[in-house]
N, C-alpha and C. Protein backbone atom coordinates (compact mmCIF):
# COMPACT_ATOMS: atom_id res chain seq x y z
N MET A 1 1.50 3.30 16.73
CA MET A 1 1.18 4.67 17.72
C MET A 1 1.46 5.66 18.16
N PRO A 2 1.06 6.94 17.42
CA PRO A 2 1.72 7.90 17.84
C PRO A 2 2.41 8.46 18.70
N ALA A 3 3.26 9.69 19.48
CA ALA A 3 4.04 9.50 20.03
C ALA A 3 3.61 11.23 20.68
N SER A 4 3.53 11.67 19.64
CA SER A 4 2.85 13.32 19.55
C SER A 4 2.43 14.15 18.39
N PHE A 5 1.49 14.90 18.30
CA PHE A 5 1.03 15.22 17.11
C PHE A 5 1.93 16.25 16.51
N PRO A 6 2.10 16.89 15.31
CA PRO A 6 3.12 18.03 15.15
C PRO A 6 2.16 18.91 15.04
N GLU A 7 2.53 20.29 15.01
CA GLU A 7 1.95 21.54 14.46
C GLU A 7 2.44 21.64 12.82
N LEU A 8 1.63 21.87 12.44
CA LEU A 8 1.38 22.18 11.04
C LEU A 8 1.69 23.71 10.39
N GLY A 9 2.44 24.37 9.88
CA GLY A 9 2.43 26.00 9.43
C GLY A 9 2.14 25.61 8.35
N VAL A 10 1.46 26.21 7.37
CA VAL A 10 1.45 26.63 6.03
C VAL A 10 1.40 27.94 5.57
N GLU A 11 2.26 27.65 4.65
CA GLU A 11 2.79 29.77 3.98
C GLU A 11 2.85 29.49 2.70
N VAL A 12 1.76 30.08 1.97
CA VAL A 12 1.52 30.68 0.64
C VAL A 12 3.27 30.50 -0.24
N GLY A 13 2.84 29.59 -1.30
CA GLY A 13 4.43 29.06 -1.88
C GLY A 13 5.59 28.87 -1.15
N SER A 14 5.50 28.08 0.11
CA SER A 14 6.50 26.90 0.01
C SER A 14 5.91 25.31 0.69
N ALA A 15 7.04 24.62 0.73
CA ALA A 15 6.71 23.35 0.81
C ALA A 15 6.24 23.38 2.36
N THR A 16 5.10 22.43 3.04
CA THR A 16 5.04 21.85 4.17
C THR A 16 5.76 20.96 4.76
N GLU A 17 6.23 20.92 5.93
CA GLU A 17 6.91 19.87 6.04
C GLU A 17 6.28 19.51 7.06
N ALA A 18 6.78 18.05 7.92
CA ALA A 18 5.70 17.86 9.07
C ALA A 18 6.96 16.33 9.48
N GLU A 19 6.92 16.86 10.59
CA GLU A 19 7.57 15.11 11.21
C GLU A 19 6.71 14.47 12.46
N ASN A 20 6.96 13.27 12.09
CA ASN A 20 6.26 12.13 13.32
C ASN A 20 6.90 11.20 14.01
N ALA A 21 6.23 11.40 15.51
CA ALA A 21 7.16 10.49 15.81
C ALA A 21 6.53 9.42 16.34
N TYR A 22 6.88 8.20 16.77
CA TYR A 22 5.81 6.70 16.67
C TYR A 22 6.83 6.02 17.88
N ASN A 23 6.05 5.46 18.20
CA ASN A 23 6.21 4.29 19.15
C ASN A 23 5.76 3.17 18.96
N VAL A 24 7.32 2.08 18.75
CA VAL A 24 6.26 0.56 17.83
C VAL A 24 7.47 -0.14 19.37
N THR A 25 6.64 -1.59 18.83
CA THR A 25 7.17 -2.36 19.95
C THR A 25 7.86 -3.22 19.13
N ARG A 26 7.69 -3.75 17.84
CA ARG A 26 8.49 -4.54 17.44
C ARG A 26 8.93 -3.82 15.81
N LEU A 27 9.91 -3.95 15.43
CA LEU A 27 10.85 -3.50 13.74
C LEU A 27 11.36 -4.37 13.59
N GLN A 28 11.28 -5.02 12.35
CA GLN A 28 11.71 -5.91 11.57
C GLN A 28 11.71 -5.24 10.26
N ILE A 29 13.06 -5.47 9.74
CA ILE A 29 13.60 -5.03 8.18
C ILE A 29 14.19 -5.92 7.50
N TYR A 30 13.36 -6.30 6.33
CA TYR A 30 14.00 -7.23 5.21
C TYR A 30 14.37 -6.75 3.78
N ALA A 31 15.75 -7.00 3.47
CA ALA A 31 15.92 -6.43 2.02
C ALA A 31 16.70 -7.72 1.26
N ASN A 32 15.59 -8.03 0.02
CA ASN A 32 15.96 -9.29 -0.66
C ASN A 32 15.30 -10.91 -0.32
N GLY A 33 14.82 -10.63 0.93
CA GLY A 33 14.56 -12.27 2.26
C GLY A 33 15.25 -11.97 2.89
N VAL A 34 16.18 -11.19 2.83
CA VAL A 34 17.07 -11.14 4.45
C VAL A 34 17.00 -10.57 5.28
N GLU A 35 17.05 -10.56 6.59
CA GLU A 35 16.40 -10.13 7.22
C GLU A 35 17.99 -8.86 8.36
N ILE A 36 17.63 -7.40 8.00
CA ILE A 36 18.75 -6.75 8.47
C ILE A 36 18.87 -6.21 9.68
N CYS A 37 17.34 -6.10 10.42
CA CYS A 37 17.21 -5.63 11.71
C CYS A 37 16.27 -5.78 12.31
N CYS A 38 16.39 -6.56 13.08
CA CYS A 38 15.26 -7.00 14.11
C CYS A 38 15.15 -6.30 15.52
N VAL A 39 14.11 -5.63 15.73
CA VAL A 39 14.34 -5.34 17.15
C VAL A 39 13.06 -5.01 17.76
N ASP A 40 12.86 -5.46 19.11
CA ASP A 40 11.43 -6.45 19.52
C ASP A 40 11.77 -6.01 21.45
N ARG A 41 11.03 -4.65 21.34
CA ARG A 41 10.91 -4.35 23.11
C ARG A 41 10.70 -5.03 23.75
N LEU A 42 9.43 -6.13 23.75
CA LEU A 42 8.80 -6.55 24.61
C LEU A 42 9.54 -7.95 24.53
N ALA A 43 9.91 -8.63 23.69
CA ALA A 43 10.88 -9.68 23.60
C ALA A 43 12.15 -9.70 23.92
N GLN A 44 12.38 -8.41 24.19
CA GLN A 44 13.97 -8.05 24.00
C GLN A 44 15.10 -8.76 23.28
N ILE A 45 14.58 -8.44 22.12
CA ILE A 45 15.06 -8.77 21.27
C ILE A 45 16.03 -7.51 20.31
N LEU A 46 17.55 -7.86 19.93
CA LEU A 46 18.10 -6.86 19.13
C LEU A 46 18.75 -7.73 18.41
N ARG A 47 18.56 -7.81 17.21
CA ARG A 47 19.42 -8.30 16.13
C ARG A 47 19.60 -7.86 14.86
N ILE A 48 20.84 -7.63 14.18
CA ILE A 48 21.01 -6.60 12.90
C ILE A 48 22.63 -7.28 12.80
N ASN A 49 21.74 -7.82 10.86
CA ASN A 49 22.74 -8.66 10.30
C ASN A 49 23.11 -9.88 10.61
N GLY A 50 21.92 -10.36 11.66
CA GLY A 50 21.82 -11.95 11.95
C GLY A 50 22.84 -12.53 13.45
N LYS A 51 23.48 -11.36 13.79
CA LYS A 51 23.99 -11.25 15.15
C LYS A 51 22.92 -10.53 15.98
N ASP A 52 22.98 -11.42 17.36
CA ASP A 52 22.22 -11.33 18.60
C ASP A 52 23.03 -10.19 19.49
N TYR A 53 22.24 -9.07 19.37
CA TYR A 53 23.20 -7.86 20.51
C TYR A 53 22.99 -8.10 21.79
N MET A 54 21.67 -8.74 21.87
CA MET A 54 20.86 -8.47 23.25
C MET A 54 21.31 -9.54 24.06
N SER A 55 21.26 -10.96 23.59
CA SER A 55 22.68 -12.13 24.24
C SER A 55 23.72 -11.61 24.93
N GLN A 56 24.28 -10.58 24.31
CA GLN A 56 25.43 -10.13 25.19
C GLN A 56 25.43 -9.22 26.21
N ILE A 57 24.08 -8.65 26.01
CA ILE A 57 23.47 -7.48 27.15
C ILE A 57 23.27 -7.79 28.19
N ASN A 58 22.59 -9.25 27.93
CA ASN A 58 22.09 -10.12 29.16
C ASN A 58 22.72 -10.82 29.65
N ASN A 59 24.07 -11.50 28.89
CA ASN A 59 25.47 -12.33 29.78
C ASN A 59 26.34 -10.92 30.78
N LEU A 60 25.46 -9.67 30.42
CA LEU A 60 26.37 -8.74 31.36
C LEU A 60 25.44 -7.91 32.47
N LEU A 61 24.30 -8.41 32.68
CA LEU A 61 23.35 -7.86 33.53
C LEU A 61 23.41 -8.70 34.68
């Protein structure tokens, strides 16, 4: 879901650049069949390289 819509400026003879910001509820990245990163805002999951950082944060709360 887009967070905002960028304004595009076009000039003759120059490259056009655009940045888009998105809001996501879950981001999960795999490389060679191995989970590298999992961030889920609704389920409160923060797992990087197999280590669950959210459990440590929940213990502090």
